[in-house]
Amino acid sequence: MTFLATMIQYALEEEIPSELRFLQGYDRACREIDAEFDLPQKDISRLVRMIQGNDGQLSRNKRSQFIILPDDVIERIEVIVQGAFR
């Protein structure tokens, strides 16, 4: 098998399915957060990416970027993101 064929096979079997799972989880999380909270879409998007990229938790450092959100709201958003990416 050539290098190109190997890369194509890897993309088809690994990268594309992984990216599709991420996009499905991302879309689900954004929809659920938007339905529950009145937040700008750009903030929802940032929260989802930050939480998902940190194993389902918003780091203390990143929390400072969302000081207007109470802890219980952040915790609920974390639960939504965790569920969306299961």
N, C-alpha and C. Protein backbone atom coordinates (compact mmCIF):
# COMPACT_ATOMS: atom_id res chain seq x y z
N MET A 1 0.85 -1.17 0.00
CA MET A 1 0.00 0.00 0.00
C MET A 1 0.90 1.25 0.00
N THR A 2 0.55 2.20 -0.81
CA THR A 2 1.35 3.42 -0.90
C THR A 2 1.07 4.33 0.30
N PHE A 3 1.95 5.27 0.50
CA PHE A 3 1.79 6.23 1.59
C PHE A 3 0.47 6.99 1.46
N LEU A 4 0.16 7.43 0.23
CA LEU A 4 -1.07 8.17 -0.01
C LEU A 4 -2.29 7.31 0.32
N ALA A 5 -2.28 6.08 -0.11
CA ALA A 5 -3.40 5.18 0.17
C ALA A 5 -3.55 4.96 1.67
N THR A 6 -2.44 4.85 2.38
CA THR A 6 -2.48 4.67 3.83
C THR A 6 -3.08 5.91 4.50
N MET A 7 -2.69 7.08 4.04
CA MET A 7 -3.21 8.32 4.62
C MET A 7 -4.71 8.47 4.33
N ILE A 8 -5.13 8.10 3.16
CA ILE A 8 -6.55 8.16 2.81
C ILE A 8 -7.34 7.20 3.68
N GLN A 9 -6.82 5.99 3.83
CA GLN A 9 -7.49 5.01 4.68
C GLN A 9 -7.59 5.50 6.12
N TYR A 10 -6.52 6.08 6.63
CA TYR A 10 -6.52 6.61 7.99
C TYR A 10 -7.56 7.73 8.13
N ALA A 11 -7.61 8.59 7.15
CA ALA A 11 -8.58 9.69 7.20
C ALA A 11 -10.01 9.15 7.22
N LEU A 12 -10.28 8.17 6.37
CA LEU A 12 -11.62 7.60 6.28
C LEU A 12 -12.02 6.82 7.54
N GLU A 13 -11.08 6.13 8.12
CA GLU A 13 -11.40 5.25 9.26
C GLU A 13 -11.26 5.94 10.61
N GLU A 14 -10.40 6.94 10.71
CA GLU A 14 -10.12 7.56 12.01
C GLU A 14 -10.50 9.04 12.08
N GLU A 15 -9.90 9.84 11.23
CA GLU A 15 -10.06 11.29 11.35
C GLU A 15 -11.48 11.77 11.07
N ILE A 16 -12.06 11.33 9.99
CA ILE A 16 -13.40 11.79 9.63
C ILE A 16 -14.44 11.35 10.66
N PRO A 17 -14.48 10.08 11.07
CA PRO A 17 -15.44 9.71 12.12
C PRO A 17 -15.23 10.47 13.43
N SER A 18 -13.97 10.71 13.79
CA SER A 18 -13.68 11.46 15.01
C SER A 18 -14.19 12.90 14.89
N GLU A 19 -13.96 13.51 13.77
CA GLU A 19 -14.42 14.88 13.54
C GLU A 19 -15.95 14.94 13.54
N LEU A 20 -16.59 13.95 12.96
CA LEU A 20 -18.06 13.91 12.95
C LEU A 20 -18.61 13.77 14.36
N ARG A 21 -17.99 12.93 15.19
CA ARG A 21 -18.42 12.79 16.59
C ARG A 21 -18.28 14.12 17.32
N PHE A 22 -17.16 14.81 17.10
CA PHE A 22 -16.96 16.12 17.74
C PHE A 22 -18.05 17.10 17.29
N LEU A 23 -18.30 17.19 16.00
CA LEU A 23 -19.28 18.14 15.49
C LEU A 23 -20.69 17.83 16.01
N GLN A 24 -21.03 16.55 16.10
CA GLN A 24 -22.33 16.17 16.64
C GLN A 24 -22.45 16.58 18.11
N GLY A 25 -21.41 16.32 18.90
CA GLY A 25 -21.41 16.70 20.30
C GLY A 25 -21.45 18.21 20.46
N TYR A 26 -20.67 18.90 19.66
CA TYR A 26 -20.61 20.36 19.70
C TYR A 26 -21.98 20.95 19.39
N ASP A 27 -22.61 20.48 18.31
CA ASP A 27 -23.92 21.00 17.93
C ASP A 27 -24.96 20.72 19.02
N ARG A 28 -24.94 19.52 19.56
CA ARG A 28 -25.89 19.16 20.61
C ARG A 28 -25.70 20.05 21.84
N ALA A 29 -24.46 20.21 22.28
CA ALA A 29 -24.17 21.04 23.45
C ALA A 29 -24.62 22.48 23.22
N CYS A 30 -24.29 23.03 22.07
CA CYS A 30 -24.67 24.42 21.77
C CYS A 30 -26.18 24.60 21.77
N ARG A 31 -26.89 23.67 21.17
CA ARG A 31 -28.36 23.76 21.13
C ARG A 31 -28.95 23.71 22.54
N GLU A 32 -28.45 22.77 23.36
CA GLU A 32 -29.00 22.61 24.71
C GLU A 32 -28.68 23.82 25.59
N ILE A 33 -27.48 24.34 25.49
CA ILE A 33 -27.11 25.53 26.27
C ILE A 33 -27.95 26.72 25.82
N ASP A 34 -28.09 26.89 24.52
CA ASP A 34 -28.87 28.00 23.97
C ASP A 34 -30.33 27.92 24.41
N ALA A 35 -30.87 26.72 24.49
CA ALA A 35 -32.27 26.55 24.90
C ALA A 35 -32.48 26.87 26.38
N GLU A 36 -31.44 26.70 27.17
CA GLU A 36 -31.56 26.86 28.62
C GLU A 36 -31.08 28.22 29.13
N PHE A 37 -30.14 28.83 28.43
CA PHE A 37 -29.54 30.08 28.91
C PHE A 37 -29.54 31.14 27.82
N ASP A 38 -29.68 32.38 28.22
CA ASP A 38 -29.65 33.50 27.29
C ASP A 38 -28.21 34.04 27.22
N LEU A 39 -27.42 33.39 26.38
CA LEU A 39 -26.02 33.77 26.22
C LEU A 39 -25.73 34.02 24.74
N PRO A 40 -24.81 34.92 24.45
CA PRO A 40 -24.42 35.10 23.04
C PRO A 40 -23.82 33.81 22.47
N GLN A 41 -24.09 33.57 21.21
CA GLN A 41 -23.60 32.35 20.56
C GLN A 41 -22.08 32.23 20.64
N LYS A 42 -21.37 33.35 20.54
CA LYS A 42 -19.91 33.28 20.60
C LYS A 42 -19.44 32.80 21.98
N ASP A 43 -20.15 33.18 23.04
CA ASP A 43 -19.79 32.71 24.37
C ASP A 43 -20.12 31.24 24.55
N ILE A 44 -21.26 30.82 24.02
CA ILE A 44 -21.63 29.40 24.08
C ILE A 44 -20.56 28.57 23.37
N SER A 45 -20.18 29.01 22.20
CA SER A 45 -19.17 28.29 21.42
C SER A 45 -17.85 28.19 22.19
N ARG A 46 -17.41 29.30 22.76
CA ARG A 46 -16.15 29.30 23.53
C ARG A 46 -16.25 28.37 24.73
N LEU A 47 -17.38 28.44 25.45
CA LEU A 47 -17.55 27.58 26.62
C LEU A 47 -17.50 26.11 26.24
N VAL A 48 -18.21 25.73 25.19
CA VAL A 48 -18.23 24.33 24.77
C VAL A 48 -16.83 23.86 24.41
N ARG A 49 -16.11 24.64 23.64
CA ARG A 49 -14.75 24.24 23.24
C ARG A 49 -13.81 24.16 24.44
N MET A 50 -13.90 25.12 25.34
CA MET A 50 -13.02 25.12 26.52
C MET A 50 -13.32 23.93 27.44
N ILE A 51 -14.60 23.69 27.68
CA ILE A 51 -15.00 22.60 28.57
C ILE A 51 -14.65 21.25 27.94
N GLN A 52 -14.98 21.08 26.69
CA GLN A 52 -14.70 19.81 26.02
C GLN A 52 -13.20 19.56 25.95
N GLY A 53 -12.43 20.60 25.74
CA GLY A 53 -10.98 20.47 25.63
C GLY A 53 -10.28 20.25 26.96
N ASN A 54 -11.02 20.37 28.06
CA ASN A 54 -10.45 20.20 29.38
C ASN A 54 -11.19 19.09 30.15
N ASP A 55 -11.51 18.01 29.45
CA ASP A 55 -12.14 16.83 30.06
C ASP A 55 -13.42 17.14 30.81
N GLY A 56 -14.24 18.03 30.26
CA GLY A 56 -15.56 18.28 30.81
C GLY A 56 -15.64 19.31 31.91
N GLN A 57 -14.56 20.01 32.16
CA GLN A 57 -14.54 21.03 33.22
C GLN A 57 -13.99 22.34 32.65
N LEU A 58 -14.53 23.44 33.15
CA LEU A 58 -13.98 24.75 32.80
C LEU A 58 -12.91 25.08 33.83
N SER A 59 -11.69 25.25 33.38
CA SER A 59 -10.58 25.48 34.30
C SER A 59 -10.77 26.80 35.05
N ARG A 60 -10.14 26.89 36.21
CA ARG A 60 -10.22 28.12 37.01
C ARG A 60 -9.74 29.33 36.22
N ASN A 61 -8.69 29.14 35.48
CA ASN A 61 -8.14 30.22 34.66
C ASN A 61 -9.18 30.71 33.64
N LYS A 62 -9.85 29.78 33.00
CA LYS A 62 -10.85 30.15 31.98
C LYS A 62 -12.12 30.71 32.61
N ARG A 63 -12.43 30.29 33.84
CA ARG A 63 -13.62 30.80 34.53
C ARG A 63 -13.56 32.31 34.66
N SER A 64 -12.36 32.85 34.82
CA SER A 64 -12.22 34.30 34.97
C SER A 64 -12.73 35.04 33.74
N GLN A 65 -12.83 34.37 32.60
CA GLN A 65 -13.35 34.99 31.39
C GLN A 65 -14.88 35.07 31.40
N PHE A 66 -15.50 34.37 32.36
CA PHE A 66 -16.96 34.32 32.43
C PHE A 66 -17.44 34.66 33.84
N ILE A 67 -16.86 35.71 34.42
CA ILE A 67 -17.17 36.06 35.81
C ILE A 67 -18.63 36.48 36.00
N ILE A 68 -19.30 36.84 34.93
CA ILE A 68 -20.71 37.22 35.05
C ILE A 68 -21.62 36.01 35.28
N LEU A 69 -21.11 34.80 34.99
CA LEU A 69 -21.92 33.60 35.15
C LEU A 69 -21.73 33.02 36.55
N PRO A 70 -22.82 32.79 37.27
CA PRO A 70 -22.71 32.18 38.60
C PRO A 70 -22.17 30.74 38.49
N ASP A 71 -21.60 30.26 39.58
CA ASP A 71 -21.03 28.91 39.60
C ASP A 71 -22.04 27.84 39.21
N ASP A 72 -23.30 27.99 39.67
CA ASP A 72 -24.29 26.96 39.34
C ASP A 72 -24.59 26.92 37.84
N VAL A 73 -24.50 28.05 37.17
CA VAL A 73 -24.71 28.08 35.72
C VAL A 73 -23.53 27.40 35.01
N ILE A 74 -22.33 27.71 35.44
CA ILE A 74 -21.14 27.06 34.85
C ILE A 74 -21.22 25.56 35.06
N GLU A 75 -21.59 25.13 36.25
CA GLU A 75 -21.69 23.69 36.54
C GLU A 75 -22.74 23.02 35.67
N ARG A 76 -23.88 23.68 35.45
CA ARG A 76 -24.92 23.12 34.58
C ARG A 76 -24.41 23.03 33.14
N ILE A 77 -23.72 24.04 32.68
CA ILE A 77 -23.18 24.01 31.32
C ILE A 77 -22.15 22.88 31.19
N GLU A 78 -21.33 22.67 32.20
CA GLU A 78 -20.38 21.56 32.18
C GLU A 78 -21.11 20.22 32.04
N VAL A 79 -22.20 20.06 32.76
CA VAL A 79 -23.00 18.82 32.68
C VAL A 79 -23.56 18.64 31.27
N ILE A 80 -24.06 19.72 30.70
CA ILE A 80 -24.60 19.65 29.33
C ILE A 80 -23.50 19.23 28.35
N VAL A 81 -22.33 19.85 28.45
CA VAL A 81 -21.23 19.52 27.54
C VAL A 81 -20.79 18.08 27.73
N GLN A 82 -20.64 17.66 28.96
CA GLN A 82 -20.24 16.27 29.24
C GLN A 82 -21.22 15.29 28.60
N GLY A 83 -22.52 15.56 28.75
CA GLY A 83 -23.54 14.67 28.18
C GLY A 83 -23.52 14.67 26.67
N ALA A 84 -23.29 15.82 26.08
CA ALA A 84 -23.29 15.92 24.62
C ALA A 84 -22.15 15.16 23.97
N PHE A 85 -21.03 15.02 24.69
CA PHE A 85 -19.86 14.36 24.11
C PHE A 85 -19.72 12.90 24.55
N ARG A 86 -20.71 12.37 25.23
CA ARG A 86 -20.67 10.94 25.61
C ARG A 86 -20.97 10.07 24.43
